[in-house]
C-alpha atoms as a PDB file:
ATOM      1  CA  MET A   1     -39.597 -18.635 -28.368  1.00  0.00           C
ATOM      2  CA  HIS A   2     -37.999 -17.135 -25.707  1.00  0.00           C
ATOM      3  CA  ARG A   3     -38.346 -13.485 -25.058  1.00  0.00           C
ATOM      4  CA  THR A   4     -36.033 -11.328 -23.118  1.00  0.00           C
ATOM      5  CA  PRO A   5     -37.268  -8.846 -20.829  1.00  0.00           C
ATOM      6  CA  PHE A   6     -35.217  -6.093 -22.298  1.00  0.00           C
ATOM      7  CA  PRO A   7     -33.910  -5.370 -25.613  1.00  0.00           C
ATOM      8  CA  VAL A   8     -30.529  -6.484 -26.324  1.00  0.00           C
ATOM      9  CA  THR A   9     -28.293  -4.966 -28.685  1.00  0.00           C
ATOM     10  CA  TYR A  10     -25.785  -6.873 -30.910  1.00  0.00           C
ATOM     11  CA  PHE A  11     -22.726  -5.584 -32.574  1.00  0.00           C
ATOM     12  CA  LEU A  12     -21.472  -7.300 -35.980  1.00  0.00           C
ATOM     13  CA  ARG A  13     -18.230  -5.573 -35.479  1.00  0.00           C
ATOM     14  CA  ALA A  14     -16.970  -3.119 -32.895  1.00  0.00           C
ATOM     15  CA  PRO A  15     -18.357   0.033 -32.694  1.00  0.00           C
ATOM     16  CA  HIS A  16     -15.197   1.885 -32.987  1.00  0.00           C
ATOM     17  CA  PRO A  17     -12.145  -0.052 -34.502  1.00  0.00           C
ATOM     18  CA  PRO A  18      -9.197   0.094 -32.089  1.00  0.00           C
ATOM     19  CA  SER A  19      -7.031   2.865 -34.145  1.00  0.00           C
ATOM     20  CA  GLU A  20     -10.212   4.894 -33.336  1.00  0.00           C
ATOM     21  CA  ARG A  21     -10.994   4.056 -29.645  1.00  0.00           C
ATOM     22  CA  GLN A  22      -9.980   7.187 -27.409  1.00  0.00           C
ATOM     23  CA  THR A  23      -9.040   6.286 -23.861  1.00  0.00           C
ATOM     24  CA  ASP A  24      -8.190   8.261 -20.574  1.00  0.00           C
ATOM     25  CA  ALA A  25      -6.497   5.422 -18.952  1.00  0.00           C
ATOM     26  CA  GLY A  26      -4.109   7.045 -16.199  1.00  0.00           C
ATOM     27  CA  GLN A  27      -5.922  10.219 -16.244  1.00  0.00           C
ATOM     28  CA  LEU A  28      -7.858  11.806 -13.730  1.00  0.00           C
ATOM     29  CA  PRO A  29     -12.037  12.175 -14.433  1.00  0.00           C
ATOM     30  CA  PRO A  30     -12.737  15.365 -15.567  1.00  0.00           C
ATOM     31  CA  TRP A  31     -14.737  16.277 -12.294  1.00  0.00           C
ATOM     32  CA  LEU A  32     -11.489  15.787 -10.167  1.00  0.00           C
ATOM     33  CA  LEU A  33      -9.375  18.021 -12.527  1.00  0.00           C
ATOM     34  CA  GLY A  34      -7.370  20.510 -10.786  1.00  0.00           C
ATOM     35  CA  VAL A  35      -8.547  19.423  -7.172  1.00  0.00           C
ATOM     36  CA  VAL A  36      -5.425  18.441  -4.821  1.00  0.00           C
ATOM     37  CA  HIS A  37      -6.332  15.874  -2.300  1.00  0.00           C
ATOM     38  CA  VAL A  38      -4.494  16.355   0.836  1.00  0.00           C
ATOM     39  CA  ARG A  39      -4.888  13.600   3.531  1.00  0.00           C
ATOM     40  CA  HIS A  40      -2.810  14.529   6.197  1.00  0.00           C
ATOM     41  CA  LEU A  41      -2.395  18.136   7.066  1.00  0.00           C
ATOM     42  CA  ASP A  42      -0.278  18.110  10.163  1.00  0.00           C
ATOM     43  CA  THR A  43       2.558  15.920   8.323  1.00  0.00           C
ATOM     44  CA  THR A  44       5.161  16.627   6.414  1.00  0.00           C
ATOM     45  CA  VAL A  45       6.474  14.460   4.096  1.00  0.00           C
ATOM     46  CA  THR A  46      10.249  14.805   3.002  1.00  0.00           C
ATOM     47  CA  ASP A  47      12.435  12.633   0.983  1.00  0.00           C
ATOM     48  CA  GLU A  48      14.037  11.335   4.249  1.00  0.00           C
ATOM     49  CA  THR A  49      10.538  10.735   5.545  1.00  0.00           C
ATOM     50  CA  PRO A  50       9.794   7.171   5.935  1.00  0.00           C
ATOM     51  CA  ILE A  51       6.342   6.615   4.258  1.00  0.00           C
ATOM     52  CA  CYS A  52       3.542   3.919   4.921  1.00  0.00           C
ATOM     53  CA  SER A  53       3.474   0.600   3.166  1.00  0.00           C
ATOM     54  CA  ALA A  54       0.203   0.324   2.142  1.00  0.00           C
ATOM     55  CA  LYS A  55      -0.528   0.779  -1.263  1.00  0.00           C
ATOM     56  CA  GLY A  56      -0.944   4.204  -2.761  1.00  0.00           C
ATOM     57  CA  CYS A  57      -0.748   5.705   0.723  1.00  0.00           C
ATOM     58  CA  ARG A  58       2.119   8.709   1.045  1.00  0.00           C
ATOM     59  CA  ALA A  59       1.792   9.235   4.761  1.00  0.00           C
ATOM     60  CA  ALA A  60       4.131   9.105   7.502  1.00  0.00           C
ATOM     61  CA  ALA A  61       5.005   5.954   8.802  1.00  0.00           C
ATOM     62  CA  VAL A  62       4.394   5.603  12.560  1.00  0.00           C
ATOM     63  CA  TRP A  63       4.835   1.651  13.032  1.00  0.00           C
ATOM     64  CA  VAL A  64       7.149  -0.796  11.961  1.00  0.00           C
ATOM     65  CA  LEU A  65       5.819  -4.323  11.357  1.00  0.00           C
ATOM     66  CA  ALA A  66       8.450  -6.667  11.779  1.00  0.00           C
ATOM     67  CA  TRP A  67       7.775 -10.029   9.689  1.00  0.00           C
ATOM     68  CA  ASN A  68       9.423 -12.720   7.963  1.00  0.00           C
ATOM     69  CA  ASN A  69       8.214 -16.020   5.793  1.00  0.00           C
ATOM     70  CA  PRO A  70       9.245 -19.312   7.444  1.00  0.00           C
ATOM     71  CA  LYS A  71       9.391 -21.075   3.991  1.00  0.00           C
ATOM     72  CA  LEU A  72      11.700 -18.088   2.827  1.00  0.00           C
ATOM     73  CA  HIS A  73      13.462 -16.714   5.782  1.00  0.00           C
ATOM     74  CA  THR A  74      15.358 -18.260   8.694  1.00  0.00           C
ATOM     75  CA  PRO A  75      13.904 -17.664  11.831  1.00  0.00           C
ATOM     76  CA  GLU A  76      16.129 -14.961  13.006  1.00  0.00           C
ATOM     77  CA  ARG A  77      15.576 -13.005   9.870  1.00  0.00           C
ATOM     78  CA  ARG A  78      13.378  -9.859  10.186  1.00  0.00           C
ATOM     79  CA  LYS A  79      11.855  -7.614   7.155  1.00  0.00           C
ATOM     80  CA  THR A  80       9.569  -4.887   7.811  1.00  0.00           C
ATOM     81  CA  TRP A  81       6.686  -2.743   6.503  1.00  0.00           C
ATOM     82  CA  LEU A  82       6.150   0.493   7.904  1.00  0.00           C
ATOM     83  CA  ALA A  83       2.422   1.861   8.547  1.00  0.00           C
ATOM     84  CA  CYS A  84       0.836   4.966   9.533  1.00  0.00           C
ATOM     85  CA  GLU A  85      -1.875   4.890  11.965  1.00  0.00           C
ATOM     86  CA  GLU A  86      -4.701   4.324   9.385  1.00  0.00           C
ATOM     87  CA  HIS A  87      -2.824   1.580   8.055  1.00  0.00           C
ATOM     88  CA  ARG A  88      -1.023  -0.502  10.842  1.00  0.00           C
ATOM     89  CA  GLU A  89      -4.090  -2.753  11.548  1.00  0.00           C
ATOM     90  CA  HIS A  90      -5.114  -3.464   8.353  1.00  0.00           C
ATOM     91  CA  LEU A  91      -1.173  -4.270   7.264  1.00  0.00           C
ATOM     92  CA  SER A  92      -0.907  -6.560  10.552  1.00  0.00           C
ATOM     93  CA  GLN A  93      -4.172  -8.367   9.919  1.00  0.00           C
ATOM     94  CA  PHE A  94      -2.552  -9.345   6.254  1.00  0.00           C
ATOM     95  CA  LEU A  95       0.786 -10.518   7.857  1.00  0.00           C
ATOM     96  CA  GLY A  96      -0.672 -12.114  11.086  1.00  0.00           C
ATOM     97  CA  LEU A  97      -3.240 -14.225   8.756  1.00  0.00           C
ATOM     98  CA  ARG A  98      -0.425 -15.546   7.022  1.00  0.00           C
ATOM     99  CA  GLY A  99       1.564 -16.601  10.044  1.00  0.00           C
ATOM    100  CA  PHE A 100       4.454 -13.971   8.887  1.00  0.00           C
ATOM    101  CA  LEU A 101       4.021 -11.057  11.556  1.00  0.00           C
ATOM    102  CA  LYS A 102       6.157 -11.431  14.407  1.00  0.00           C
ATOM    103  CA  ASP A 103       6.313  -8.216  16.080  1.00  0.00           C
ATOM    104  CA  VAL A 104       4.607  -4.544  15.862  1.00  0.00           C
ATOM    105  CA  VAL A 105       6.761  -1.265  17.415  1.00  0.00           C
ATOM    106  CA  THR A 106       6.908   2.269  16.838  1.00  0.00           C
ATOM    107  CA  LEU A 107       9.156   3.577  14.491  1.00  0.00           C
ATOM    108  CA  ALA A 108      11.174   5.364  17.154  1.00  0.00           C
ATOM    109  CA  GLU A 109      11.042   2.382  19.469  1.00  0.00           C
ATOM    110  CA  TRP A 110      12.523   0.356  16.250  1.00  0.00           C
ATOM    111  CA  ARG A 111      15.128   3.025  15.690  1.00  0.00           C
ATOM    112  CA  GLN A 112      16.224   2.909  19.281  1.00  0.00           C
ATOM    113  CA  ARG A 113      16.676  -0.825  19.092  1.00  0.00           C
ATOM    114  CA  GLU A 114      18.790  -0.622  15.699  1.00  0.00           C
ATOM    115  CA  GLN A 115      20.842   2.209  17.404  1.00  0.00           C
ATOM    116  CA  GLY A 116      21.361  -0.203  20.276  1.00  0.00           C
ATOM    117  CA  SER A 117      22.142  -3.057  18.411  1.00  0.00           C
ATOM    118  CA  ASP A 118      24.726  -1.197  16.285  1.00  0.00           C
ATOM    119  CA  SER A 119      26.446   0.100  19.293  1.00  0.00           C
ATOM    120  CA  ALA A 120      26.561  -3.296  20.885  1.00  0.00           C
ATOM    121  CA  ALA A 121      28.162  -4.573  17.315  1.00  0.00           C
ATOM    122  CA  ASP A 122      30.667  -1.952  17.631  1.00  0.00           C
ATOM    123  CA  ARG A 123      32.243  -2.996  20.845  1.00  0.00           C
END
């Protein structure tokens, strides 16, 4: 006979039928209710402020990661992700490992390039 080192509980039916189960999905745990988490006190984010592309990050963007997927895009096409200081390296590695990353520049430099190309196109 096989013996288990700890007691095993077997349920013949679910402990609660689905209609009686309570879920807290999408809610904060009780110890965080009323807590406001502020990541960057020195950065004010408005509707016009570009924000980081990292999942869940709401920090103001500082970097532009220019990339393209050669299987989908022509070589001159550039898609962009925006990154805060904290996520620049992670997002760059993600794109770099796949061979997608083409350029990393500051947001200010990217805007200057865009304005320069717009004024050249107007001529």
